Every structure is written in structure tokens, then in C-alpha cells.
C-alpha atoms as a PDB file:
ATOM      1  CA  MET A   1      60.368 -78.925 122.436  1.00  0.00           C
ATOM      2  CA  THR A   2      58.549 -76.249 120.601  1.00  0.00           C
ATOM      3  CA  ASP A   3      58.346 -78.293 117.978  1.00  0.00           C
ATOM      4  CA  ALA A   4      56.997 -81.255 119.589  1.00  0.00           C
ATOM      5  CA  LEU A   5      54.730 -79.094 121.474  1.00  0.00           C
ATOM      6  CA  ILE A   6      53.384 -78.294 118.273  1.00  0.00           C
ATOM      7  CA  ALA A   7      52.864 -81.644 116.807  1.00  0.00           C
ATOM      8  CA  LEU A   8      51.207 -82.715 119.967  1.00  0.00           C
ATOM      9  CA  LEU A   9      48.817 -79.454 119.611  1.00  0.00           C
ATOM     10  CA  LYS A  10      48.535 -80.208 116.023  1.00  0.00           C
ATOM     11  CA  LYS A  11      47.486 -83.924 117.169  1.00  0.00           C
ATOM     12  CA  PHE A  12      45.087 -82.853 119.917  1.00  0.00           C
ATOM     13  CA  TRP A  13      43.742 -79.598 118.457  1.00  0.00           C
ATOM     14  CA  LYS A  14      40.210 -81.156 117.404  1.00  0.00           C
ATOM     15  CA  PRO A  15      39.616 -83.046 120.369  1.00  0.00           C
ATOM     16  CA  LEU A  16      40.570 -79.627 122.595  1.00  0.00           C
ATOM     17  CA  ALA A  17      38.789 -77.252 120.794  1.00  0.00           C
ATOM     18  CA  ALA A  18      36.047 -79.648 121.026  1.00  0.00           C
ATOM     19  CA  ILE A  19      36.471 -79.682 124.845  1.00  0.00           C
ATOM     20  CA  ALA A  20      37.141 -76.045 125.064  1.00  0.00           C
ATOM     21  CA  LEU A  21      33.648 -75.929 122.800  1.00  0.00           C
ATOM     22  CA  VAL A  22      31.751 -77.887 124.631  1.00  0.00           C
ATOM     23  CA  ALA A  23      32.828 -76.294 128.115  1.00  0.00           C
ATOM     24  CA  PHE A  24      32.143 -72.640 126.826  1.00  0.00           C
ATOM     25  CA  SER A  25      28.525 -74.225 125.975  1.00  0.00           C
ATOM     26  CA  LEU A  26      28.083 -75.311 129.596  1.00  0.00           C
ATOM     27  CA  TRP A  27      29.459 -72.139 131.038  1.00  0.00           C
ATOM     28  CA  ALA A  28      27.087 -70.242 128.936  1.00  0.00           C
ATOM     29  CA  PHE A  29      24.167 -72.308 129.572  1.00  0.00           C
ATOM     30  CA  SER A  30      24.974 -72.401 132.996  1.00  0.00           C
ATOM     31  CA  HIS A  31      24.810 -68.739 133.025  1.00  0.00           C
ATOM     32  CA  TRP A  32      22.360 -67.873 131.279  1.00  0.00           C
ATOM     33  CA  ARG A  33      20.057 -70.442 133.198  1.00  0.00           C
ATOM     34  CA  TYR A  34      21.743 -68.701 136.483  1.00  0.00           C
ATOM     35  CA  MET A  35      20.591 -64.914 135.076  1.00  0.00           C
ATOM     36  CA  ALA A  36      17.022 -66.230 134.219  1.00  0.00           C
ATOM     37  CA  GLY A  37      16.799 -67.723 137.462  1.00  0.00           C
ATOM     38  CA  HIS A  38      18.204 -64.313 139.067  1.00  0.00           C
ATOM     39  CA  ASP A  39      16.187 -62.268 137.200  1.00  0.00           C
ATOM     40  CA  ALA A  40      12.873 -64.552 137.610  1.00  0.00           C
ATOM     41  CA  ALA A  41      13.499 -64.049 141.899  1.00  0.00           C
ATOM     42  CA  ASP A  42      14.106 -60.376 141.275  1.00  0.00           C
ATOM     43  CA  GLN A  43      10.549 -59.979 139.525  1.00  0.00           C
ATOM     44  CA  GLU A  44       8.610 -62.433 141.988  1.00  0.00           C
ATOM     45  CA  TRP A  45      10.390 -59.949 144.795  1.00  0.00           C
ATOM     46  CA  GLN A  46       9.361 -56.907 142.657  1.00  0.00           C
ATOM     47  CA  LEU A  47       6.196 -58.218 142.391  1.00  0.00           C
ATOM     48  CA  LYS A  48       5.372 -58.922 146.476  1.00  0.00           C
ATOM     49  CA  TRP A  49       6.864 -55.846 146.944  1.00  0.00           C
ATOM     50  CA  SER A  50       4.790 -53.668 145.093  1.00  0.00           C
ATOM     51  CA  SER A  51       1.762 -55.632 146.368  1.00  0.00           C
ATOM     52  CA  ARG A  52       2.870 -54.659 149.765  1.00  0.00           C
ATOM     53  CA  ASP A  53       3.370 -51.168 149.041  1.00  0.00           C
ATOM     54  CA  THR A  54      -0.110 -51.037 147.494  1.00  0.00           C
ATOM     55  CA  ALA A  55      -1.347 -52.344 150.385  1.00  0.00           C
ATOM     56  CA  ASP A  56       0.219 -49.980 152.738  1.00  0.00           C
ATOM     57  CA  ALA A  57      -0.900 -47.593 150.423  1.00  0.00           C
ATOM     58  CA  ALA A  58      -4.376 -48.477 150.859  1.00  0.00           C
ATOM     59  CA  ALA A  59      -3.735 -49.197 154.186  1.00  0.00           C
ATOM     60  CA  THR A  60      -2.705 -46.053 154.904  1.00  0.00           C
ATOM     61  CA  LEU A  61      -5.114 -43.869 152.650  1.00  0.00           C
ATOM     62  CA  LYS A  62      -8.153 -45.936 154.491  1.00  0.00           C
ATOM     63  CA  ARG A  63      -6.653 -44.404 158.160  1.00  0.00           C
ATOM     64  CA  GLU A  64      -6.667 -41.210 156.623  1.00  0.00           C
ATOM     65  CA  GLY A  65     -10.326 -40.802 155.974  1.00  0.00           C
ATOM     66  CA  GLN A  66     -11.067 -42.448 158.773  1.00  0.00           C
ATOM     67  CA  GLU A  67      -9.128 -39.951 160.783  1.00  0.00           C
ATOM     68  CA  ARG A  68     -10.611 -37.221 158.668  1.00  0.00           C
ATOM     69  CA  ALA A  69     -14.298 -38.602 159.391  1.00  0.00           C
ATOM     70  CA  GLU A  70     -13.586 -38.787 163.591  1.00  0.00           C
ATOM     71  CA  GLU A  71     -11.821 -34.867 162.856  1.00  0.00           C
ATOM     72  CA  GLN A  72     -15.340 -34.222 160.629  1.00  0.00           C
ATOM     73  CA  ARG A  73     -17.417 -35.887 163.764  1.00  0.00           C
ATOM     74  CA  ARG A  74     -15.335 -34.105 166.357  1.00  0.00           C
ATOM     75  CA  GLN A  75     -15.466 -30.509 164.645  1.00  0.00           C
ATOM     76  CA  LEU A  76     -19.166 -31.312 164.050  1.00  0.00           C
ATOM     77  CA  ALA A  77     -20.254 -31.721 168.133  1.00  0.00           C
ATOM     78  CA  ALA A  78     -17.628 -28.906 169.001  1.00  0.00           C
ATOM     79  CA  ASP A  79     -19.532 -26.642 166.340  1.00  0.00           C
ATOM     80  CA  GLY A  80     -23.085 -27.642 167.601  1.00  0.00           C
ATOM     81  CA  GLU A  81     -22.265 -27.242 171.346  1.00  0.00           C
ATOM     82  CA  ARG A  82     -20.735 -24.094 170.608  1.00  0.00           C
ATOM     83  CA  LYS A  83     -23.912 -23.215 168.906  1.00  0.00           C
ATOM     84  CA  HIS A  84     -25.771 -24.507 171.774  1.00  0.00           C
ATOM     85  CA  ALA A  85     -23.369 -22.642 174.494  1.00  0.00           C
ATOM     86  CA  GLU A  86     -24.401 -19.134 172.620  1.00  0.00           C
ATOM     87  CA  GLU A  87     -27.994 -19.804 172.598  1.00  0.00           C
ATOM     88  CA  GLU A  88     -27.852 -20.518 176.434  1.00  0.00           C
ATOM     89  CA  LEU A  89     -25.615 -17.092 176.869  1.00  0.00           C
ATOM     90  CA  ALA A  90     -28.195 -15.504 174.688  1.00  0.00           C
ATOM     91  CA  LYS A  91     -30.982 -16.659 177.098  1.00  0.00           C
ATOM     92  CA  ALA A  92     -28.991 -15.586 180.372  1.00  0.00           C
ATOM     93  CA  ARG A  93     -28.488 -12.247 178.596  1.00  0.00           C
ATOM     94  CA  ALA A  94     -31.859 -12.049 178.185  1.00  0.00           C
ATOM     95  CA  ASP A  95     -32.545 -12.961 181.953  1.00  0.00           C
ATOM     96  CA  ALA A  96     -29.822 -10.419 183.031  1.00  0.00           C
ATOM     97  CA  ASP A  97     -31.050  -7.752 180.659  1.00  0.00           C
ATOM     98  CA  ILE A  98     -34.355  -8.525 182.791  1.00  0.00           C
ATOM     99  CA  ALA A  99     -32.644  -8.393 185.777  1.00  0.00           C
ATOM    100  CA  ASP A 100     -31.139  -4.764 185.229  1.00  0.00           C
ATOM    101  CA  ARG A 101     -34.648  -3.439 184.047  1.00  0.00           C
ATOM    102  CA  ALA A 102     -35.894  -4.806 187.524  1.00  0.00           C
ATOM    103  CA  GLY A 103     -33.195  -3.220 188.965  1.00  0.00           C
ATOM    104  CA  ALA A 104     -33.164   0.099 187.283  1.00  0.00           C
ATOM    105  CA  GLY A 105     -36.543   0.444 188.535  1.00  0.00           C
ATOM    106  CA  LEU A 106     -35.581  -0.331 192.237  1.00  0.00           C
ATOM    107  CA  ARG A 107     -32.841   2.115 192.027  1.00  0.00           C
ATOM    108  CA  LYS A 108     -34.958   4.584 190.791  1.00  0.00           C
ATOM    109  CA  GLN A 109     -37.979   3.925 193.440  1.00  0.00           C
ATOM    110  CA  LEU A 110     -34.948   4.049 196.059  1.00  0.00           C
ATOM    111  CA  ASP A 111     -33.652   7.641 194.734  1.00  0.00           C
ATOM    112  CA  ILE A 112     -37.306   8.993 194.499  1.00  0.00           C
ATOM    113  CA  LEU A 113     -37.333   7.604 198.322  1.00  0.00           C
ATOM    114  CA  GLN A 114     -34.529   9.155 199.248  1.00  0.00           C
ATOM    115  CA  ARG A 115     -35.024  12.248 197.759  1.00  0.00           C
ATOM    116  CA  GLN A 116     -38.463  12.243 199.679  1.00  0.00           C
ATOM    117  CA  LEU A 117     -36.573  11.298 203.018  1.00  0.00           C
ATOM    118  CA  ALA A 118     -34.064  14.331 202.122  1.00  0.00           C
ATOM    119  CA  GLY A 119     -36.860  16.930 201.021  1.00  0.00           C
ATOM    120  CA  SER A 120     -38.860  16.059 204.561  1.00  0.00           C
ATOM    121  CA  GLU A 121     -40.430  18.664 205.951  1.00  0.00           C
ATOM    122  CA  THR A 122     -41.417  16.986 209.097  1.00  0.00           C
ATOM    123  CA  GLY A 123     -37.962  16.935 210.617  1.00  0.00           C
ATOM    124  CA  ARG A 124     -38.077  21.153 210.321  1.00  0.00           C
ATOM    125  CA  LEU A 125     -41.635  20.805 212.392  1.00  0.00           C
ATOM    126  CA  SER A 126     -40.895  18.386 214.927  1.00  0.00           C
ATOM    127  CA  ALA A 127     -38.893  19.410 218.621  1.00  0.00           C
ATOM    128  CA  THR A 128     -36.852  15.806 217.591  1.00  0.00           C
ATOM    129  CA  VAL A 129     -35.496  17.047 214.703  1.00  0.00           C
ATOM    130  CA  ALA A 130     -31.809  15.548 215.229  1.00  0.00           C
ATOM    131  CA  ALA A 131     -33.334  12.213 215.839  1.00  0.00           C
ATOM    132  CA  SER A 132     -35.871  12.429 212.463  1.00  0.00           C
ATOM    133  CA  SER A 133     -32.305  13.938 210.144  1.00  0.00           C
ATOM    134  CA  ALA A 134     -30.384  10.948 211.586  1.00  0.00           C
ATOM    135  CA  ARG A 135     -33.014   8.620 210.395  1.00  0.00           C
ATOM    136  CA  THR A 136     -33.395  10.354 207.312  1.00  0.00           C
ATOM    137  CA  GLU A 137     -29.885   9.989 206.244  1.00  0.00           C
ATOM    138  CA  ALA A 138     -29.512   6.536 207.622  1.00  0.00           C
ATOM    139  CA  SER A 139     -32.439   5.740 205.862  1.00  0.00           C
ATOM    140  CA  ILE A 140     -30.407   7.577 202.680  1.00  0.00           C
ATOM    141  CA  LEU A 141     -27.507   5.531 203.165  1.00  0.00           C
ATOM    142  CA  LEU A 142     -29.510   2.456 203.489  1.00  0.00           C
ATOM    143  CA  ALA A 143     -31.072   2.601 200.011  1.00  0.00           C
ATOM    144  CA  GLN A 144     -27.706   3.825 197.890  1.00  0.00           C
ATOM    145  CA  LEU A 145     -26.319   0.721 199.609  1.00  0.00           C
ATOM    146  CA  LEU A 146     -28.998  -1.585 198.298  1.00  0.00           C
ATOM    147  CA  SER A 147     -29.344   0.160 194.804  1.00  0.00           C
ATOM    148  CA  GLU A 148     -25.416  -0.489 194.584  1.00  0.00           C
ATOM    149  CA  SER A 149     -25.241  -4.290 196.302  1.00  0.00           C
ATOM    150  CA  ASP A 150     -28.345  -4.760 193.293  1.00  0.00           C
ATOM    151  CA  GLU A 151     -26.178  -3.261 190.593  1.00  0.00           C
ATOM    152  CA  MET A 152     -23.112  -5.463 191.974  1.00  0.00           C
ATOM    153  CA  ALA A 153     -25.257  -8.620 192.683  1.00  0.00           C
ATOM    154  CA  GLY A 154     -26.426  -8.047 189.002  1.00  0.00           C
ATOM    155  CA  LYS A 155     -22.806  -8.025 187.404  1.00  0.00           C
ATOM    156  CA  TYR A 156     -21.979 -11.073 189.514  1.00  0.00           C
ATOM    157  CA  ALA A 157     -24.631 -13.367 188.157  1.00  0.00           C
ATOM    158  CA  ALA A 158     -24.094 -12.023 185.024  1.00  0.00           C
ATOM    159  CA  GLU A 159     -20.647 -13.644 185.006  1.00  0.00           C
ATOM    160  CA  ALA A 160     -21.675 -16.414 186.934  1.00  0.00           C
ATOM    161  CA  ASP A 161     -23.826 -17.344 184.300  1.00  0.00           C
ATOM    162  CA  ARG A 162     -21.404 -17.196 181.850  1.00  0.00           C
ATOM    163  CA  ASN A 163     -18.902 -19.218 183.502  1.00  0.00           C
ATOM    164  CA  TYR A 164     -21.332 -21.889 183.768  1.00  0.00           C
ATOM    165  CA  VAL A 165     -22.545 -21.917 180.538  1.00  0.00           C
ATOM    166  CA  ALA A 166     -18.942 -21.615 179.400  1.00  0.00           C
ATOM    167  CA  GLY A 167     -18.009 -24.814 181.667  1.00  0.00           C
ATOM    168  CA  GLN A 168     -21.043 -26.893 180.852  1.00  0.00           C
ATOM    169  CA  SER A 169     -20.362 -26.338 177.183  1.00  0.00           C
ATOM    170  CA  CYS A 170     -16.848 -27.595 177.418  1.00  0.00           C
ATOM    171  CA  GLU A 171     -17.840 -30.421 179.664  1.00  0.00           C
ATOM    172  CA  ARG A 172     -20.544 -31.884 176.291  1.00  0.00           C
ATOM    173  CA  VAL A 173     -17.877 -31.292 173.936  1.00  0.00           C
ATOM    174  CA  TYR A 174     -15.411 -32.993 175.949  1.00  0.00           C
ATOM    175  CA  ASP A 175     -17.771 -35.744 176.760  1.00  0.00           C
ATOM    176  CA  ARG A 176     -19.463 -36.450 173.471  1.00  0.00           C
ATOM    177  CA  ILE A 177     -15.713 -36.110 172.062  1.00  0.00           C
ATOM    178  CA  THR A 178     -14.375 -39.028 174.322  1.00  0.00           C
ATOM    179  CA  TYR A 179     -17.106 -41.454 174.515  1.00  0.00           C
ATOM    180  CA  LEU A 180     -17.855 -41.364 170.996  1.00  0.00           C
ATOM    181  CA  SER A 181     -13.867 -41.769 170.213  1.00  0.00           C
ATOM    182  CA  GLY A 182     -13.864 -45.122 172.551  1.00  0.00           C
ATOM    183  CA  LYS A 183     -16.385 -46.953 170.324  1.00  0.00           C
END
């Protein structure tokens, strides 16, 4: 049987080899075309992904630039308002200093008045020494109370001015930042 098979193979060897060669050639050509198409599709997708990545990077850079510009605008607005607030505080301090000097002058006059009332000789000479002494002590007490209340009023006014300026400044910064951000 092996002889018959060998004889049969010798008889059909050339046609089988030709068929095998044609089949292999067709397979090789098909595989080559498949791989060429696969590579072309990969290159096309790589190009699309690369262009998408480039567009994303450009959009990110643009957005970052816009965010930086907005941050700078807000910082400049806040810096401008801080400068404005410092100027207003300086004016308030100058007004407080003027009021302190006026209050110091008033306290000085009250001290003089207190000494005059305390050293008054009229109480010794009059018959109503007790009544005069009580009025003198009441006047001294009222003068001291006025002096202390003037001093405290100055402190409270200075604190109120500082708080007012800080609140107004904060409100202006908020308004400038939120109003311009909405545009």
C-alpha cells in the first residue's frame, strides 16, 4: 500500500505542489493585505487620538490661561480695595487723632476746673460750707465722669471706624469679584 501511495504521490506531486504553492501565495497575499489594512487603521486611529490629545492640551492651556487671568484680575481688585481701605483707615486715624487732641484739651480744661473748684476759698468764707463743699465735690465728680466718657467715646469711635472701613472694603471686594466673574 505504501508503494501505491508513493506512486500516486509521484503522479500528482507537481499538481499538488502547484496547488499548495497557489494556496500559500493566496494566504500570504491575504495576510499581507490584512496586516496592511490593520496597520493603516491603527495609524488612522493614532492620528485621530493624537489630534484629540493635541486639541485637549490646547484647550487645557487656554483654560489655564483664562483662569490665571481671572485670578490676577481678582487679586488686583483685592489689592486695590486693600489699598483703598488702608487710605480710609489712615483718614479715620487722622480724624481720631484730631478728636484725641481735642479731647485732651477738654480733659486739661476739666482738670483745671477741678483744681479750681477743689481749691476754692469761697467754701471757707461762707456760712454754708457744707453745701458749697458738696457742690464742689459733685462738680469734680461730674468733670471726671465727663473726661472718662470722652476718652471712652474716642476709643469706641476709633474701633467703629476701623470696623466700618473693613466691612465696606470686604463688601466692595466681594462685589467686584463676583460681579465681574459673572460676565
